[in-house]
Amino acid sequence: MKYKIVPNIISIILALIIGVALFRQIDFQNMTVEKPLLALVYLIAFLISIGFMIKKSKQ
C-alpha cells in the first residue's frame, strides 16, 4: 500500500498558516512555548492538515 502526497491548495494554505503560527509560539532562546495549550492545538491542526494531503494510491 503506497501513500502519495497530493498537493491540495486548501491543505497547503492551512498548513502554511498554522505552521507559521506554531513557529511564532516557540521561544528558541529558552526552548519554551509561550502558551502550551494553544501550541498543542496548533500542532494537532497542523498534523491534520498534513494528513489531508497524504492519500493512499488507488492501484
N, C-alpha and C. Protein backbone atom coordinates (compact mmCIF):
# COMPACT_ATOMS: atom_id res chain seq x y z
N MET A 1 0.84 -1.17 0.00
CA MET A 1 0.00 0.00 0.00
C MET A 1 0.89 1.24 0.00
N LYS A 2 0.83 1.98 -1.06
CA LYS A 2 1.67 3.15 -1.17
C LYS A 2 0.86 4.40 -0.88
N TYR A 3 1.53 5.35 -0.26
CA TYR A 3 0.92 6.65 0.02
C TYR A 3 1.60 7.69 -0.85
N LYS A 4 0.84 8.66 -1.28
CA LYS A 4 1.44 9.75 -2.03
C LYS A 4 0.87 11.07 -1.52
N ILE A 5 1.64 12.12 -1.69
CA ILE A 5 1.22 13.44 -1.24
C ILE A 5 0.55 14.15 -2.41
N VAL A 6 -0.71 14.49 -2.20
CA VAL A 6 -1.49 15.19 -3.22
C VAL A 6 -1.53 16.67 -2.84
N PRO A 7 -0.97 17.53 -3.68
CA PRO A 7 -0.94 18.96 -3.33
C PRO A 7 -2.32 19.61 -3.49
N ASN A 8 -3.07 19.61 -2.40
CA ASN A 8 -4.38 20.26 -2.36
C ASN A 8 -4.15 21.69 -1.88
N ILE A 9 -4.65 22.67 -2.61
CA ILE A 9 -4.34 24.07 -2.32
C ILE A 9 -4.86 24.50 -0.95
N ILE A 10 -6.02 23.99 -0.55
CA ILE A 10 -6.57 24.35 0.75
C ILE A 10 -5.71 23.79 1.87
N SER A 11 -5.26 22.56 1.73
CA SER A 11 -4.40 21.96 2.75
C SER A 11 -3.05 22.65 2.83
N ILE A 12 -2.53 23.07 1.70
CA ILE A 12 -1.24 23.77 1.68
C ILE A 12 -1.36 25.11 2.39
N ILE A 13 -2.43 25.85 2.10
CA ILE A 13 -2.62 27.15 2.75
C ILE A 13 -2.82 26.98 4.24
N LEU A 14 -3.65 26.01 4.65
CA LEU A 14 -3.86 25.76 6.08
C LEU A 14 -2.55 25.36 6.77
N ALA A 15 -1.79 24.47 6.16
CA ALA A 15 -0.53 24.03 6.77
C ALA A 15 0.45 25.20 6.88
N LEU A 16 0.47 26.06 5.89
CA LEU A 16 1.38 27.21 5.93
C LEU A 16 1.00 28.20 7.03
N ILE A 17 -0.27 28.53 7.13
CA ILE A 17 -0.73 29.49 8.14
C ILE A 17 -0.54 28.93 9.55
N ILE A 18 -0.95 27.69 9.75
CA ILE A 18 -0.83 27.09 11.08
C ILE A 18 0.63 26.85 11.45
N GLY A 19 1.44 26.48 10.47
CA GLY A 19 2.86 26.27 10.74
C GLY A 19 3.56 27.55 11.16
N VAL A 20 3.22 28.66 10.52
CA VAL A 20 3.81 29.95 10.89
C VAL A 20 3.35 30.35 12.29
N ALA A 21 2.07 30.14 12.59
CA ALA A 21 1.56 30.48 13.92
C ALA A 21 2.23 29.62 15.00
N LEU A 22 2.45 28.37 14.71
CA LEU A 22 3.14 27.49 15.65
C LEU A 22 4.59 27.90 15.82
N PHE A 23 5.23 28.29 14.73
CA PHE A 23 6.62 28.72 14.78
C PHE A 23 6.79 29.98 15.63
N ARG A 24 5.81 30.87 15.58
CA ARG A 24 5.87 32.10 16.37
C ARG A 24 5.68 31.84 17.86
N GLN A 25 5.06 30.74 18.22
CA GLN A 25 4.83 30.41 19.62
C GLN A 25 6.10 29.95 20.33
N ILE A 26 7.08 29.46 19.58
CA ILE A 26 8.28 28.87 20.16
C ILE A 26 9.31 29.95 20.45
N ASP A 27 9.84 29.94 21.67
CA ASP A 27 10.94 30.83 22.06
C ASP A 27 12.22 30.00 21.99
N PHE A 28 13.05 30.26 20.99
CA PHE A 28 14.21 29.42 20.74
C PHE A 28 15.37 29.69 21.70
N GLN A 29 15.40 30.83 22.35
CA GLN A 29 16.46 31.10 23.32
C GLN A 29 16.30 30.23 24.55
N ASN A 30 15.08 30.16 25.05
CA ASN A 30 14.82 29.38 26.26
C ASN A 30 14.25 28.00 25.97
N MET A 31 13.99 27.72 24.70
CA MET A 31 13.37 26.46 24.26
C MET A 31 12.07 26.20 25.02
N THR A 32 11.21 27.21 25.06
CA THR A 32 9.90 27.09 25.68
C THR A 32 8.84 27.56 24.70
N VAL A 33 7.61 27.37 25.12
CA VAL A 33 6.47 27.80 24.32
C VAL A 33 5.69 28.81 25.15
N GLU A 34 5.24 29.89 24.51
CA GLU A 34 4.51 30.94 25.24
C GLU A 34 3.23 30.40 25.87
N LYS A 35 2.38 29.82 25.06
CA LYS A 35 1.10 29.28 25.52
C LYS A 35 1.05 27.80 25.12
N PRO A 36 1.34 26.90 26.06
CA PRO A 36 1.46 25.48 25.70
C PRO A 36 0.17 24.86 25.15
N LEU A 37 -0.98 25.20 25.69
CA LEU A 37 -2.22 24.60 25.19
C LEU A 37 -2.55 25.09 23.78
N LEU A 38 -2.31 26.35 23.52
CA LEU A 38 -2.55 26.88 22.18
C LEU A 38 -1.57 26.26 21.18
N ALA A 39 -0.34 26.07 21.60
CA ALA A 39 0.64 25.42 20.72
C ALA A 39 0.25 23.98 20.43
N LEU A 40 -0.35 23.30 21.40
CA LEU A 40 -0.81 21.93 21.19
C LEU A 40 -1.95 21.90 20.19
N VAL A 41 -2.86 22.85 20.28
CA VAL A 41 -3.96 22.93 19.31
C VAL A 41 -3.41 23.22 17.92
N TYR A 42 -2.45 24.13 17.82
CA TYR A 42 -1.81 24.42 16.53
C TYR A 42 -1.12 23.17 15.97
N LEU A 43 -0.45 22.42 16.82
CA LEU A 43 0.25 21.22 16.36
C LEU A 43 -0.72 20.17 15.85
N ILE A 44 -1.82 19.97 16.56
CA ILE A 44 -2.82 19.00 16.12
C ILE A 44 -3.44 19.43 14.79
N ALA A 45 -3.77 20.70 14.66
CA ALA A 45 -4.34 21.20 13.41
C ALA A 45 -3.34 21.10 12.27
N PHE A 46 -2.06 21.34 12.56
CA PHE A 46 -1.02 21.23 11.53
C PHE A 46 -0.89 19.79 11.05
N LEU A 47 -0.91 18.85 11.98
CA LEU A 47 -0.80 17.43 11.60
C LEU A 47 -2.03 16.97 10.82
N ILE A 48 -3.20 17.46 11.17
CA ILE A 48 -4.41 17.11 10.42
C ILE A 48 -4.35 17.67 9.00
N SER A 49 -3.88 18.89 8.86
CA SER A 49 -3.79 19.47 7.51
C SER A 49 -2.76 18.74 6.65
N ILE A 50 -1.68 18.28 7.27
CA ILE A 50 -0.71 17.46 6.53
C ILE A 50 -1.33 16.09 6.20
N GLY A 51 -2.12 15.57 7.12
CA GLY A 51 -2.78 14.29 6.90
C GLY A 51 -3.76 14.32 5.74
N PHE A 52 -4.40 15.45 5.51
CA PHE A 52 -5.30 15.57 4.37
C PHE A 52 -4.55 15.52 3.04
N MET A 53 -3.29 15.87 3.05
CA MET A 53 -2.51 15.83 1.81
C MET A 53 -2.00 14.43 1.49
N ILE A 54 -1.91 13.56 2.49
CA ILE A 54 -1.40 12.21 2.27
C ILE A 54 -2.57 11.29 1.98
N LYS A 55 -2.54 10.69 0.83
CA LYS A 55 -3.64 9.81 0.39
C LYS A 55 -3.06 8.48 -0.05
N LYS A 56 -3.89 7.45 0.02
CA LYS A 56 -3.49 6.14 -0.48
C LYS A 56 -3.58 6.15 -2.01
N SER A 57 -2.64 5.46 -2.64
CA SER A 57 -2.74 5.35 -4.09
C SER A 57 -3.81 4.31 -4.41
N LYS A 58 -4.49 4.49 -5.52
CA LYS A 58 -5.63 3.63 -5.86
C LYS A 58 -5.26 2.52 -6.83
N GLN A 59 -4.04 2.06 -6.75
CA GLN A 59 -3.62 0.98 -7.66
C GLN A 59 -3.66 -0.34 -6.98
